[in-house]
Protein backbone atom coordinates (compact mmCIF):
# COMPACT_ATOMS: atom_id res chain seq x y z
CA MET A 1 1.11 -11.80 22.34
CA TYR A 2 0.48 -14.24 19.59
CA SER A 3 -1.04 -11.37 17.49
CA PHE A 4 1.96 -9.13 18.23
CA LEU A 5 4.44 -11.99 17.24
CA ILE A 6 2.68 -12.50 13.94
CA SER A 7 2.84 -8.90 13.20
CA LEU A 8 6.33 -8.47 13.98
CA LEU A 9 7.29 -11.57 11.90
CA ALA A 10 5.31 -10.63 8.83
CA PHE A 11 6.40 -6.96 9.16
CA SER A 12 10.03 -8.01 9.66
CA PHE A 13 9.77 -10.53 6.55
CA ILE A 14 8.50 -7.97 4.26
CA ILE A 15 10.51 -4.90 4.98
CA THR A 16 13.84 -7.10 4.99
CA ILE A 17 13.01 -8.17 1.67
CA LEU A 18 12.21 -4.57 0.25
CA VAL A 19 15.33 -3.07 1.99
CA PHE A 20 17.52 -5.98 0.55
CA ILE A 21 16.14 -5.74 -3.01
CA HIS A 22 16.37 -1.64 -2.92
CA GLU A 23 19.91 -1.67 -1.63
CA LEU A 24 20.95 -4.43 -3.97
CA GLY A 25 19.92 -2.37 -6.72
CA HIS A 26 22.32 0.60 -5.58
CA TYR A 27 25.28 -2.13 -4.89
CA LEU A 28 25.08 -3.52 -8.31
CA ALA A 29 24.93 -0.21 -10.04
CA ALA A 30 27.80 1.19 -7.84
CA ARG A 31 29.87 -1.81 -8.79
CA SER A 32 28.96 -1.73 -12.66
CA VAL A 33 30.13 1.64 -13.00
CA GLY A 34 33.23 1.08 -10.84
CA MET A 35 32.23 2.91 -7.48
CA ARG A 36 33.90 1.45 -4.38
CA VAL A 37 31.38 0.01 -2.15
CA GLU A 38 32.33 0.59 1.81
CA LYS A 39 29.24 -0.89 3.40
CA PHE A 40 26.31 -2.72 2.41
CA SER A 41 23.60 -2.62 5.20
CA VAL A 42 20.09 -4.16 5.64
CA GLY A 43 18.57 -2.61 8.69
CA PHE A 44 19.79 0.34 10.76
CA PRO A 45 22.53 0.18 13.53
CA PRO A 46 23.25 -1.16 15.88
CA LYS A 47 24.89 -4.25 13.99
CA PHE A 48 24.16 -7.82 14.45
CA ILE A 49 26.09 -9.58 12.15
CA SER A 50 28.68 -8.56 9.32
CA PHE A 51 31.14 -10.15 6.80
CA THR A 52 34.01 -7.99 5.59
CA SER A 53 35.53 -8.98 2.29
CA ASN A 54 39.43 -9.21 2.74
CA PRO A 55 42.22 -10.45 0.65
CA GLY A 56 42.17 -14.17 1.20
CA GLY A 57 38.82 -14.42 2.86
CA TRP A 58 36.13 -13.11 4.93
CA ILE A 59 35.96 -11.72 8.46
CA LEU A 60 32.82 -12.77 10.28
CA ARG A 61 31.73 -10.66 13.21
CA LEU A 62 28.92 -11.10 15.69
CA TYR A 63 27.83 -8.19 17.92
CA PHE A 64 25.97 -8.27 21.25
CA TYR A 65 26.19 -6.31 24.66
CA LYS A 66 29.43 -7.00 26.64
CA LYS A 67 31.40 -5.61 29.30
CA ASP A 68 34.21 -3.14 28.59
CA GLU A 69 37.31 -2.44 30.73
CA ASN A 70 35.36 -0.41 33.01
CA GLU A 71 32.84 -3.14 33.71
CA ASN A 72 29.98 -1.11 31.70
CA TRP A 73 27.79 -3.00 29.59
CA LYS A 74 28.35 -1.85 25.68
CA TRP A 75 27.38 -3.16 22.38
CA GLY A 76 30.35 -4.57 20.51
CA THR A 77 31.96 -7.19 18.79
CA VAL A 78 31.62 -10.84 20.81
CA PHE A 79 32.80 -12.96 18.08
CA LYS A 80 35.53 -12.61 15.25
CA LYS A 81 36.80 -15.28 12.86
CA PHE A 82 38.39 -15.32 9.65
CA ILE A 83 37.09 -17.43 6.89
CA ARG A 84 39.84 -18.07 4.33
CA VAL A 85 38.80 -18.42 0.69
CA ALA A 86 41.66 -19.30 -1.54
CA ASN A 87 42.85 -16.57 -4.33
CA LYS A 88 40.15 -14.10 -2.88
CA VAL A 89 41.05 -10.60 -4.09
CA GLY A 90 38.98 -8.78 -1.28
CA SER A 91 37.13 -5.51 -1.58
CA ASP A 92 37.17 -4.22 1.83
CA THR A 93 33.39 -4.11 1.55
CA GLU A 94 31.35 -4.68 4.82
CA TYR A 95 28.23 -6.70 4.55
CA CYS A 96 25.75 -6.01 7.67
CA LEU A 97 22.82 -7.05 9.11
CA ALA A 98 21.63 -4.71 11.63
CA ILE A 99 18.94 -4.69 14.40
CA LEU A 100 16.36 -2.06 13.48
CA PRO A 101 14.29 -3.25 10.20
CA PHE A 102 13.40 0.16 9.14
CA GLY A 103 15.51 0.64 6.51
CA GLY A 104 19.17 0.23 5.10
CA TYR A 105 22.01 1.73 2.90
CA VAL A 106 24.93 1.38 0.69
CA LYS A 107 27.87 3.65 1.59
CA VAL A 108 30.05 4.37 -1.46
CA SER A 109 33.32 6.27 -1.28
CA GLY A 110 33.03 9.91 -1.74
CA ILE A 111 29.22 10.46 -1.33
CA LEU A 112 27.95 12.89 1.06
CA ASP A 113 25.13 10.88 2.99
CA GLU A 114 23.82 10.72 6.71
CA THR A 115 27.52 10.61 7.84
CA MET A 116 27.96 14.36 6.76
CA ASP A 117 31.51 13.68 5.51
CA PRO A 118 32.08 15.73 2.51
CA SER A 119 35.77 14.55 2.16
CA SER A 120 36.86 13.38 -1.10
CA THR A 121 40.34 12.38 -2.53
CA GLY A 122 39.55 12.61 -6.16
CA ALA A 123 40.04 8.93 -6.57
CA SER A 124 38.50 7.33 -9.67
CA TYR A 125 36.40 5.07 -7.72
CA GLU A 126 34.78 7.85 -5.73
CA TYR A 127 31.06 8.99 -6.40
CA GLN A 128 32.26 12.62 -7.00
CA SER A 129 34.67 11.34 -9.53
CA LYS A 130 31.80 9.71 -11.77
CA LYS A 131 30.20 11.18 -14.68
CA THR A 132 26.32 12.39 -14.31
CA TRP A 133 24.93 9.59 -15.89
CA GLN A 134 26.77 7.06 -13.61
CA LYS A 135 25.40 8.94 -10.29
CA LEU A 136 22.18 8.96 -11.81
CA TRP A 137 21.94 5.31 -12.30
CA PHE A 138 23.34 4.69 -8.98
CA THR A 139 20.89 6.93 -7.23
CA SER A 140 18.06 5.40 -9.06
CA ALA A 141 18.86 1.49 -9.09
CA GLY A 142 17.42 1.12 -5.93
CA VAL A 143 13.84 2.43 -7.09
CA ILE A 144 14.17 0.46 -10.22
CA PHE A 145 14.75 -2.67 -8.36
CA ASN A 146 11.67 -2.02 -6.11
CA PHE A 147 9.63 -1.78 -9.25
CA ILE A 148 11.16 -4.93 -10.86
CA LEU A 149 10.18 -6.69 -7.60
CA ALA A 150 6.59 -5.77 -7.67
CA PHE A 151 6.44 -6.43 -11.49
CA PHE A 152 7.37 -10.24 -10.72
CA ILE A 153 5.30 -10.48 -7.93
CA PHE A 154 2.23 -9.10 -10.01
CA ALA A 155 3.00 -11.14 -12.75
CA ILE A 156 3.42 -14.50 -10.85
CA SER A 157 0.10 -13.62 -8.91
CA TYR A 158 -1.90 -13.00 -12.01
CA SER A 159 -0.52 -15.88 -13.65
CA PHE A 160 -1.26 -18.50 -10.71
CA GLN A 161 -4.41 -16.67 -9.00
CA GLY A 162 -6.01 -14.85 -11.75
CA TYR A 163 -6.91 -11.24 -12.50
CA TYR A 164 -10.46 -9.88 -12.84
CA THR A 165 -11.27 -9.93 -16.66
CA ASN A 166 -14.24 -8.86 -18.79
CA GLN A 167 -16.39 -11.78 -18.15
CA VAL A 168 -19.75 -11.33 -16.01
CA ASP A 169 -19.64 -13.29 -12.77
CA TYR A 170 -23.28 -12.19 -11.84
CA VAL A 171 -26.03 -9.39 -12.68
CA LEU A 172 -28.21 -7.66 -10.19
CA ARG A 173 -31.55 -7.07 -11.17
CA ASP A 174 -32.05 -4.03 -9.16
CA ILE A 175 -29.91 -1.45 -7.59
CA LYS A 176 -30.19 1.49 -5.25
CA GLU A 177 -27.60 3.62 -3.09
CA ILE A 178 -28.33 3.59 0.47
CA SER A 179 -26.88 5.81 3.10
CA PHE A 180 -26.62 5.89 6.96
CA GLU A 181 -27.68 8.82 8.98
CA LYS A 182 -26.03 10.53 11.72
CA ILE A 183 -22.71 8.55 11.63
CA LEU A 184 -20.38 9.05 14.74
CA ILE A 185 -16.90 7.41 14.92
CA ASN A 186 -15.38 7.69 18.50
CA ASP A 187 -18.28 9.78 19.61
CA LYS A 188 -17.36 12.65 16.87
CA LEU A 189 -20.17 13.40 14.33
CA ILE A 190 -18.98 13.04 11.03
CA ASP A 191 -20.11 15.54 8.66
CA ASN A 192 -19.08 14.41 5.28
CA THR A 193 -21.00 11.09 5.48
CA GLU A 194 -20.06 10.48 1.80
CA ARG A 195 -16.87 9.24 2.84
CA TYR A 196 -18.53 6.32 4.71
CA HIS A 197 -19.93 4.13 2.08
CA THR A 198 -22.90 1.54 2.36
CA ASP A 199 -22.77 -1.76 0.60
CA ILE A 200 -25.10 -4.28 0.05
CA THR A 201 -25.15 -7.80 -1.16
CA TYR A 202 -26.91 -11.12 -0.52
CA GLY A 203 -25.47 -14.52 0.56
CA GLN A 204 -22.58 -15.56 2.83
CA ASN A 205 -19.60 -13.14 3.69
CA LYS A 206 -17.53 -14.30 0.83
CA ASP A 207 -19.70 -12.32 -1.42
CA LEU A 208 -19.27 -8.97 0.57
CA ASP A 209 -16.36 -7.69 -1.45
CA LYS A 210 -18.68 -8.10 -4.59
CA SER A 211 -21.16 -5.75 -3.47
CA LYS A 212 -19.78 -2.33 -4.71
CA LYS A 213 -22.62 0.00 -3.32
CA ILE A 214 -25.27 -2.32 -4.93
CA ILE A 215 -28.51 -3.36 -3.42
CA THR A 216 -30.76 -6.42 -4.70
CA VAL A 217 -34.14 -7.57 -3.93
CA ASP A 218 -34.42 -10.86 -5.25
CA LYS A 219 -34.70 -12.15 -1.78
CA LYS A 220 -36.05 -10.50 1.41
CA SER A 221 -32.89 -10.19 3.44
CA GLY A 222 -29.39 -8.74 2.84
CA GLU A 223 -26.12 -7.79 4.16
CA ILE A 224 -25.55 -3.94 4.54
CA ILE A 225 -22.09 -2.90 5.27
CA LEU A 226 -20.87 0.42 6.78
CA LYS A 227 -17.49 1.05 5.51
CA ASN A 228 -15.90 3.32 8.15
CA GLY A 229 -13.21 4.84 6.01
CA LEU A 230 -10.74 4.24 8.58
CA GLU A 231 -8.56 1.21 8.78
CA LYS A 232 -7.66 1.02 12.52
CA ASN A 233 -8.00 2.49 16.07
CA ILE A 234 -11.56 3.05 16.16
CA ARG A 235 -13.01 2.09 19.51
CA LYS A 236 -16.76 2.97 18.85
CA VAL A 237 -19.00 3.53 15.81
CA GLU A 238 -22.76 4.70 16.30
CA PHE A 239 -25.27 5.32 13.58
CA TYR A 240 -29.08 5.44 12.41
CA LEU A 241 -30.47 2.73 10.05
CA PRO A 242 -32.71 4.11 7.39
CA ASP A 243 -36.36 4.24 7.98
CA TYR A 244 -36.69 1.35 5.61
CA PHE A 245 -35.07 -0.88 7.68
CA ASP A 246 -37.15 -2.72 10.58
CA PRO A 247 -35.13 -2.65 13.71
CA ASN A 248 -36.96 -5.48 14.95
CA SER A 249 -35.55 -7.79 12.23
CA THR A 250 -32.18 -6.57 11.80
CA LYS A 251 -29.05 -8.25 13.20
CA ILE A 252 -25.98 -6.13 13.50
CA THR A 253 -22.51 -7.88 13.38
CA PRO A 254 -19.06 -6.42 12.75
CA ILE A 255 -17.02 -7.88 9.90
CA ASN A 256 -14.16 -9.02 11.96
CA LYS A 257 -12.96 -12.38 13.05
CA ASP A 258 -12.73 -11.26 16.81
CA LEU A 259 -16.12 -10.64 17.34
CA ASP A 260 -16.10 -11.48 21.11
CA THR A 261 -14.00 -8.21 21.61
CA PHE A 262 -16.97 -6.00 20.47
CA THR A 263 -20.22 -5.10 22.45
CA ILE A 264 -23.12 -4.17 19.93
CA PHE A 265 -26.01 -2.24 21.18
CA THR A 266 -29.37 -1.79 19.09
CA LYS A 267 -31.80 0.67 20.27
CA GLY A 268 -34.70 1.19 17.61
CA ARG A 269 -33.05 2.48 14.49
CA LYS A 270 -29.83 3.43 16.65
CA VAL A 271 -26.92 0.95 16.33
CA ILE A 272 -23.75 1.29 18.75
CA ILE A 273 -20.60 -0.78 18.19
CA GLU A 274 -17.88 -0.54 20.67
CA SER A 275 -14.90 -2.32 21.97
CA GLN A 276 -15.07 -4.03 25.39
CA ASN A 277 -12.04 -3.40 26.73
CA SER A 278 -9.22 -0.74 26.51
CA SER A 279 -7.07 -2.99 24.10
CA GLY A 280 -9.94 -3.78 21.84
CA LEU A 281 -10.11 -1.97 18.41
CA LEU A 282 -12.67 -2.10 15.68
CA SER A 283 -9.77 -2.76 13.21
CA GLY A 284 -11.67 -4.12 10.40
CA LYS A 285 -12.25 -1.63 7.15
CA ALA A 286 -16.00 -2.40 7.44
CA ILE A 287 -18.75 -2.76 10.36
CA GLY A 288 -21.67 -4.85 8.83
CA ALA A 289 -25.48 -4.88 9.71
CA LEU A 290 -27.57 -8.17 8.38
CA ALA A 291 -30.96 -6.28 7.42
CA SER A 292 -34.37 -7.20 6.57
CA ILE A 293 -35.55 -5.39 3.28
CA GLN A 294 -38.88 -5.36 1.84
CA HIS A 295 -39.66 -4.92 -1.88
CA ASN A 296 -42.33 -2.23 -1.21
CA GLN A 297 -40.19 -0.19 1.27
CA ILE A 298 -37.72 1.14 -1.30
CA ASN A 299 -38.14 2.29 -4.76
CA TYR A 300 -35.58 0.45 -6.73
CA GLU A 301 -34.26 0.97 -10.36
CA ILE A 302 -33.64 -1.89 -12.67
CA SER A 303 -29.87 -2.28 -13.16
CA PRO A 304 -28.55 -0.88 -16.60
CA ALA A 305 -26.90 -4.56 -17.17
CA PHE A 306 -30.28 -6.35 -16.60
CA ARG A 307 -32.14 -3.88 -18.74
CA VAL A 308 -30.11 -4.57 -21.87
CA GLY A 309 -30.00 -8.29 -21.16
CA ILE A 310 -26.48 -8.87 -20.02
CA GLU A 311 -26.36 -12.34 -18.27
CA SER A 312 -23.53 -14.36 -16.12
CA GLY A 313 -21.16 -15.76 -18.24
CA ASP A 314 -21.34 -12.97 -20.83
CA ARG A 315 -18.37 -10.98 -21.71
CA ILE A 316 -18.07 -7.19 -22.50
CA ILE A 317 -15.81 -6.78 -25.22
CA SER A 318 -16.02 -3.03 -26.16
CA ILE A 319 -17.16 0.17 -24.83
CA ASN A 320 -17.60 3.15 -27.40
CA ASP A 321 -15.63 1.11 -29.92
CA GLU A 322 -12.54 0.63 -27.79
CA ASP A 323 -11.76 -2.87 -27.03
CA VAL A 324 -11.78 -3.94 -23.28
CA ARG A 325 -10.41 -7.15 -21.68
CA TYR A 326 -10.23 -6.42 -17.96
CA THR A 327 -12.49 -5.14 -15.07
CA SER A 328 -10.09 -2.21 -14.57
CA GLU A 329 -10.58 -1.00 -18.23
CA ILE A 330 -14.16 -1.21 -17.72
CA GLN A 331 -14.44 0.70 -14.47
CA LYS A 332 -12.19 3.40 -15.95
CA LYS A 333 -14.37 3.81 -19.05
CA PHE A 334 -17.67 4.08 -16.81
CA SER A 335 -15.88 6.63 -14.42
CA ASP A 336 -16.38 9.20 -17.29
CA LYS A 337 -19.93 10.77 -16.73
CA LYS A 338 -21.76 10.23 -19.91
CA GLU A 339 -25.58 9.55 -20.71
CA LYS A 340 -25.03 6.53 -22.71
CA PHE A 341 -22.20 4.03 -23.56
CA LYS A 342 -22.16 1.88 -26.68
CA ILE A 343 -21.10 -1.52 -25.69
CA ILE A 344 -20.75 -4.60 -27.35
CA PHE A 345 -20.92 -8.16 -25.33
CA GLU A 346 -20.56 -11.58 -26.25
CA LYS A 347 -23.29 -13.99 -25.56
CA ASN A 348 -23.09 -17.67 -26.60
CA LYS A 349 -20.30 -16.84 -28.82
CA LYS A 350 -22.56 -14.08 -30.65
CA SER A 351 -21.79 -10.53 -30.43
CA LEU A 352 -24.58 -8.14 -29.40
CA THR A 353 -24.64 -4.20 -29.51
CA GLU A 354 -26.59 -2.16 -26.83
CA TYR A 355 -26.44 1.26 -25.22
CA ILE A 356 -26.21 1.48 -21.60
CA SER A 357 -26.52 4.28 -19.17
CA PRO A 358 -24.57 3.68 -15.72
CA ILE A 359 -26.00 4.79 -12.59
CA TYR A 360 -23.80 7.31 -10.81
CA PHE A 361 -24.05 7.19 -7.13
CA SER A 362 -22.75 10.08 -4.93
CA PRO A 363 -19.09 11.08 -5.21
CA GLU A 364 -16.73 8.97 -2.87
CA LEU A 365 -14.31 11.32 -1.08
CA THR A 366 -10.58 10.42 -0.70
CA PRO A 367 -8.80 11.51 2.55
CA TYR A 368 -7.53 14.55 0.96
CA GLY A 369 -11.02 15.59 -0.42
CA GLU A 370 -10.88 14.66 -3.94
CA GLU A 371 -14.12 13.36 -5.12
CA ILE A 372 -14.23 10.10 -7.14
CA THR A 373 -17.36 8.92 -9.28
CA ASN A 374 -17.93 5.48 -10.58
CA GLY A 375 -20.53 4.48 -12.83
CA ARG A 376 -22.53 1.46 -11.64
CA ILE A 377 -24.02 -1.04 -14.26
CA GLY A 378 -25.03 -3.67 -11.54
CA VAL A 379 -22.46 -6.57 -12.53
CA SER A 380 -19.50 -8.33 -10.96
CA PHE A 381 -16.55 -9.72 -12.84
CA SER A 382 -14.83 -13.22 -12.75
CA LYS A 383 -11.27 -13.81 -11.89
CA GLU A 384 -9.39 -15.77 -14.48
CA LYS A 385 -5.87 -17.10 -14.48
CA LEU A 386 -3.92 -15.23 -17.25
CA PRO A 387 -1.08 -16.75 -19.50
CA PHE A 388 2.30 -15.84 -18.29
CA SER A 389 3.00 -13.59 -21.19
CA GLU A 390 -0.37 -11.61 -20.57
CA SER A 391 0.35 -11.57 -16.82
CA ILE A 392 3.55 -9.70 -17.75
CA TYR A 393 1.71 -7.11 -19.59
CA MET A 394 -0.80 -6.40 -17.02
CA SER A 395 1.88 -6.37 -14.23
CA ALA A 396 3.72 -3.65 -16.09
CA TYR A 397 0.35 -1.57 -16.70
CA ASN A 398 -0.47 -1.87 -13.03
CA ILE A 399 2.95 -0.83 -11.77
CA LEU A 400 2.83 2.05 -14.16
CA ASN A 401 -0.80 3.07 -12.88
CA HIS A 402 0.43 2.54 -9.25
CA GLU A 403 3.47 4.46 -9.91
CA LEU A 404 1.68 7.54 -11.83
CA PHE A 405 -1.17 7.73 -8.98
CA GLY A 406 1.39 7.35 -6.27
CA ILE A 407 3.44 10.23 -7.46
CA LYS A 408 0.14 12.50 -7.89
CA THR A 409 -1.15 11.21 -4.85
CA ILE A 410 1.99 11.85 -2.79
CA ALA A 411 2.41 15.37 -4.59
CA LYS A 412 -1.27 16.28 -3.46
CA ASN A 413 -0.56 15.12 0.15
CA ILE A 414 2.29 17.11 0.34
CA PHE A 415 0.25 20.19 -0.88
CA PHE A 416 -2.73 19.52 1.41
CA LEU A 417 -0.36 19.02 4.46
CA ILE A 418 1.36 22.70 3.69
CA THR A 419 -2.02 24.35 3.44
CA GLY A 420 -3.51 22.46 6.56
CA ASN A 421 -6.23 20.48 4.50
CA LEU A 422 -4.76 17.23 5.45
CA SER A 423 -3.96 16.12 9.12
CA LEU A 424 -0.71 14.20 9.78
CA GLU A 425 -3.21 11.83 11.91
CA LEU A 426 -3.92 9.97 8.38
CA MET A 427 -0.25 9.04 8.17
CA SER A 428 0.92 5.69 9.12
CA GLY A 429 4.61 4.52 9.98
CA PRO A 430 6.38 1.28 10.77
CA ILE A 431 3.83 0.41 13.57
CA GLY A 432 0.96 0.94 11.46
CA ILE A 433 2.38 -1.00 8.47
CA ALA A 434 3.50 -3.81 11.09
CA LYS A 435 -0.36 -4.14 12.12
CA ILE A 436 -1.58 -4.23 8.61
CA SER A 437 1.02 -6.95 7.85
CA GLY A 438 -0.17 -9.09 10.94
CA ASP A 439 -3.83 -8.66 9.70
CA VAL A 440 -2.74 -10.06 6.16
CA ALA A 441 -0.71 -12.88 7.92
CA LYS A 442 -3.72 -14.18 9.66
CA SER A 443 -5.95 -13.98 6.93
CA ASP A 444 -7.10 -17.08 5.02
CA ASN A 445 -4.72 -16.44 1.99
CA TRP A 446 -1.95 -15.18 3.78
CA LEU A 447 0.85 -16.15 1.62
CA SER A 448 -0.75 -14.39 -1.42
CA GLY A 449 -1.56 -11.55 0.72
CA ILE A 450 1.73 -11.12 2.17
CA PHE A 451 3.43 -11.08 -1.31
CA MET A 452 0.81 -8.66 -2.69
CA LEU A 453 1.16 -6.30 0.28
CA MET A 454 4.87 -6.61 -0.48
CA ALA A 455 4.25 -5.63 -4.20
CA PHE A 456 2.21 -2.64 -3.09
CA LEU A 457 4.78 -1.38 -0.47
CA SER A 458 7.80 -1.99 -2.88
CA VAL A 459 6.03 0.53 -5.32
CA ASN A 460 5.32 2.96 -2.63
CA LEU A 461 8.83 2.87 -1.33
CA GLY A 462 10.18 3.60 -4.96
CA VAL A 463 7.78 6.41 -5.44
CA ILE A 464 8.59 8.09 -1.96
CA ASN A 465 12.67 7.61 -2.78
CA ILE A 466 12.27 9.04 -6.12
CA LEU A 467 11.15 12.52 -4.74
CA PRO A 468 13.58 15.26 -4.86
CA PHE A 469 13.96 15.70 -1.44
CA PRO A 470 17.45 15.78 0.59
CA GLY A 471 18.30 12.55 2.23
CA LEU A 472 16.29 10.38 -0.48
CA ASP A 473 17.52 9.07 -3.63
CA GLY A 474 15.99 11.43 -5.72
CA GLY A 475 17.59 14.27 -3.66
CA HIS A 476 21.07 12.95 -4.64
CA ALA A 477 20.12 12.64 -8.29
CA LEU A 478 18.78 16.24 -8.05
CA ILE A 479 22.19 17.58 -6.79
CA ALA A 480 23.78 15.68 -9.65
CA ILE A 481 21.69 17.26 -12.00
CA ILE A 482 22.23 20.71 -10.71
CA GLU A 483 26.03 20.32 -10.77
CA LYS A 484 25.67 19.20 -14.63
CA ILE A 485 23.77 22.37 -15.21
CA LYS A 486 25.88 24.63 -13.18
CA GLY A 487 28.99 23.11 -14.60
CA SER A 488 30.78 22.79 -11.38
CA LYS A 489 30.31 20.82 -8.01
CA LEU A 490 28.58 22.23 -4.97
CA SER A 491 30.80 23.19 -2.16
CA GLY A 492 30.95 20.65 0.78
CA ASN A 493 29.37 23.23 3.10
CA ILE A 494 26.21 23.48 1.01
CA GLN A 495 25.82 19.95 0.47
CA ILE A 496 26.02 19.31 4.30
CA ARG A 497 23.59 22.23 4.86
CA ILE A 498 21.23 20.81 2.40
CA GLN A 499 21.60 17.11 3.95
CA GLN A 500 21.19 18.39 7.44
CA ILE A 501 18.04 20.07 6.54
CA GLY A 502 16.49 17.24 4.79
CA MET A 503 17.59 14.77 7.30
CA THR A 504 16.08 16.84 10.40
CA LEU A 505 12.73 17.09 8.56
CA LEU A 506 12.64 13.45 7.60
CA MET A 507 13.82 12.30 11.03
CA SER A 508 11.27 14.76 12.65
CA LEU A 509 8.31 13.30 10.41
CA PHE A 510 9.62 9.69 11.11
CA ALA A 511 9.68 10.16 14.89
CA TYR A 512 6.17 11.84 14.84
CA ILE A 513 4.53 9.07 13.06
CA ILE A 514 6.13 6.35 15.20
CA PHE A 515 5.06 8.35 18.26
CA LYS A 516 1.45 8.74 16.83
CA ASP A 517 1.09 5.08 16.14
CA ILE A 518 2.47 4.19 19.55
CA PHE A 519 -0.06 6.82 21.29
CA LYS A 520 -3.00 5.13 19.45
CA LEU A 521 -1.88 1.55 20.46
CA ILE A 522 -1.75 2.71 24.06
CA PHE A 523 -4.36 5.17 24.44
């Protein structure tokens, strides 16, 4: 129950902020070009509270269940009060907070939306009476405000918490890729085991996120992690340790706070991790095995960084004569498969030039089958607090990358859904997002985690809404552009049909995803 409440509160907080900012963009854009705003709602009906702007003040209404004249319980107004404000002109705009936190809307006069009302009087304040650029400004403003919100969250985070730079944190002497054998998820044999990566590191769990498919041999034991590739709803994982791991000295443990909800079996090299009851789920992104590793059991390679003399505290300042300042830039450079890279690194305030050959492990597969190959040189990088001016630059840089990558990913996902190469099972809706929100809220760095999740979802919300699909902001923008090119407005009937098809498809997909999430929680 506690976990459910945390997830609900975290999800409601994140979604309410995202929806409010998105709709605020539409609202301010509408007012800036003289459109009449009839309603501003955060959440979907039924309404819980509303304020209506009237001449001389505000009308406050509260809504709940009450008996009607036939003694039937119905949702309606249970409280109404006029709040006087001297000299207030009033706009007749109703500002609502509704019950269902799955979205919101701004209703302007003369726009065809989910109400399917095509009527227009031709008044100057109506949407249909506005110029094309004004329509595009209104339809895109919500997306723009989502990007602005993400921009400020990223900038503040980088300024106060830091960003991974070009300074080396530690260097691994030896590296080698390791893979498990015969992986089963929920009793289903996984054919493409490349999707399920293996990482190894030494020390405490705080170092797990530094491993990046790298193995070291400076000590006799290490932590090996099977990343299951699925973030939730896994009840059983079964795999075989490679021959070079001693099953008698291997301790298996899931990387998850709720360790008591799992049962772990070891039968020689075979490892089985499963939930103890029907409600238990292996919800972590990784399952780990603390394993004994001996020098003579594996043929290791000297790491490229160690080979050229890179040490902790050094800075990689140039790759192939192009300056690099951040870890993301370095990783992007090494993703290009080349035999050698010219690098310049700074050691004790002296610049040294070397040629380095990254080690390319087996490609990682995305859920839609795209291979991603990253070169490894055997280092991790430090996080440093950035000056606010620099954090602004990195925030804009990352949002642009997220936006372009998001549009590319969504376009590919739609294509693969149509061709049958991507299953709808991989999609997650409000319930899935609520669970992720709860997991973040229960983490050690919950506050920063909540806001970073909010920034990520804000960018994704913007990317999705900008798609030229009926019922979305991009769909309204596309119609405005078509009318401009055509030189005349589309008929009301055509617009209604377009809107009906779009809303039917969107609501069907939305209902399916919610049903799928509920089904996974129950079964």
